[in-house]
Amino acid sequence: MGKTMRYALGLLLLNILRWGGQAQDVVLTAEPNWSTFYLGESINFRCYVNGGEGTNWEYQVTRRSQDTFPYDSQKSYTLEDLKITEFQCSARRRGVCKKSKTISLTVLAEKPRAALTAGSTTIPVGGSVTLRCLIESSVGWKYRWFRQISSTSEEISTGNEENRVITVRQGGIYWCEGQRGNPPFFSQPSYDVIIEKTLSNKVVVGCQPNEPYIFVGETITLTCEVQGGENTEWTCKWFRSGSVIRRIYSKDWTFIVSESSSGDYMCQCRRRDDWFSVTRLSEVITLSVAVFNKVVVSRHPNWSKMFRGETITLTCEVQGGETTEWTCGWRRDGSVIHWTNSKDWTFKALPSSSGDYICQCRRRDDWYSPTMWWSKAIKLSVAGKPKVQLSANSMEIPGSVTLTCSVTPSSIGWKYYWYRDEKSAEPLTTQKPVFSPNELMSVSEKSLYWCRGGRGEPEYYTDYSDPITISNNVTVSDPDSFSLHLLLIVGPVSGVVLIILLLFWWRYKWPMGLCCIRLFQSESSSQRPTTDHESDYNSMLHGTTSLYETIRNRGVTGNERPPHPEEGSVYVNVRPDDYS
């Protein structure tokens, strides 16, 4: 066989193998080449006849042997509505049809969620924290990171292509999400992780009152003091035995102690303007509550100063034991002075009663179960009987006269009683208790006034004040003024008395010389006329007409002569011997 023949046979054999053997198989591939997809993701198919490049084959893709769609190697197909999808490619040319093997894809309806893990949620002072993001159910993911510090969020750029692991040095809220494919398909974001940055400030816990034991029902204040942050506003949280029990917008936490309050307490604070910057935990402070009843002393009346003879009641109150019967003992300045089968002790105060009082109680049904501690001391100060002073802004009426009643030494709770004339009489007024040692009263009547104070239950009275006399406004101020007033009064009175005496004397002497006077007048009248001045003088000398008639007729004018004595006088029958 010649060389040419052998070449032709070989070429024929090659074509037979190409068309009828494995070289003529139809191949279907998918990009990306993942076994699991999610609804909404896109996929690119490649369909070809193995070894048939350059020939005119027609391709189409069939889904589940039902839906057939034209093949386009440049087109992406979006996966929708199916959980398991089977794809197959068919190739046709000159009546010949070949099919590829079936590709099975798993399509899930729900998007995957990224999982974020942190090596620690607290950044140490000067340190950092490592965060990891992962979607375990599928492959091909790259990760995006986000952080929120205030009200807005930002994406963190790390420069790492995969971005699965990042390192952070700033506090905030962190989350991540996955991304794969083209066009990109995104997973659900991870759940948030809060990262706190630790501040270098030292934190110290204080306690008030700072007692070795705390009792049930007692009020206590714990303070979380941030050293170096005195001018910063903080929000603090408290831990007891490792668990967070309280968050407050203050460094102070005040509460009433209960039986469960015992434990080890720590605190931690964060800045209000940077919620993710926190202090270190404080050192531990231990509160011991062992449940014994606390005893408290009170007094009634609760006046800072008492006076000799006043009644006072001291009360020994057992907190938490209100329904129990107690026997209580009292100490003054360290010495036991009284026992009582009651929480109350009432007595009259004396100056020797001054001192510091404490008490302790025992159950009557269990004498050997006293309250654990004596109460805190209460101080009692007792002075001698108070004095009362009465003063006035004026001593005369009419005018505004205000009386002031004052208790010495100064104290509170008094009401004031006022008296007029007799201090044993009923008081004028009784004021309500006032918180001043002075009380005022206006008076408008001249009298003798007194006052005294009273307070308490039963009422305790001061002594009476010294009296004050309120009089009219005529007063004697000094001897010279008195002499002047006496002269002004005695002078006019003496003059009036003297005139009266002279008149009486004249009246006694006048009848004896009346005849002579009449004779003298008759003779004189015949010699000269009578003037009005002389007539007035005669009238004044002889009195009024009601006693003696007029000496001269008032009707005579000019130079007329007076009438005959028998006509104008009543003395014609008067005899001088009648007055001898």
Foldseek 3Di string as FASTA:
>chain_A
DDPVVVVVVVVVVVVCCCCPHPQQAKDKDKPPRWQEAEQFAKIAIDIDGRVPPPDDKAKWKDKPNPDIDGHDRPDIDGDDDDQKIKMKMWIDDPHDIHIHDIDIHGYHHAFFEKAKDKPDQEAEVVGKIKMFIDGPPIDAKAKWKKWDFDPDIDTDDDPDRRPGMDIDQAWTKMKMWIWGDVVIDIGHIYDIRTHAYADPWAWAKDKPPPDQADEAFDKIKIFIDTPPCPVFFKWKWKDFPRHTDDIGRHRMDIDGDHPPPFGWMKMKIDGPVGRRYIYDIHDIDTHHHVHFWAWAKDKPPPWQEAEAFDKMKIFTDTPPQPPFFKKKWKDFPRHTDDIDRHRIDMDGDDQVNWGWMWMKIAGPVGRPDIGPDIHGTDTYGYYYFWAKAKDWPDQAPDDKIKIKIFIPPWIFFKWKFKDWADPVDHTPDTDGTGGTRMDMDTDHDFTKMKMWIWGDVVIDIGDIYDIGTRYHPDDDDDVVVVVVVVCVPVVVVVVVVVVVVVVVVLVLPCVLCVVVVLVVLQVVLVVFADDPVNLVVQDVSVDHCVVWRRSAPPPDDDSDGGDDCVVGTPCPPPDNVVSD
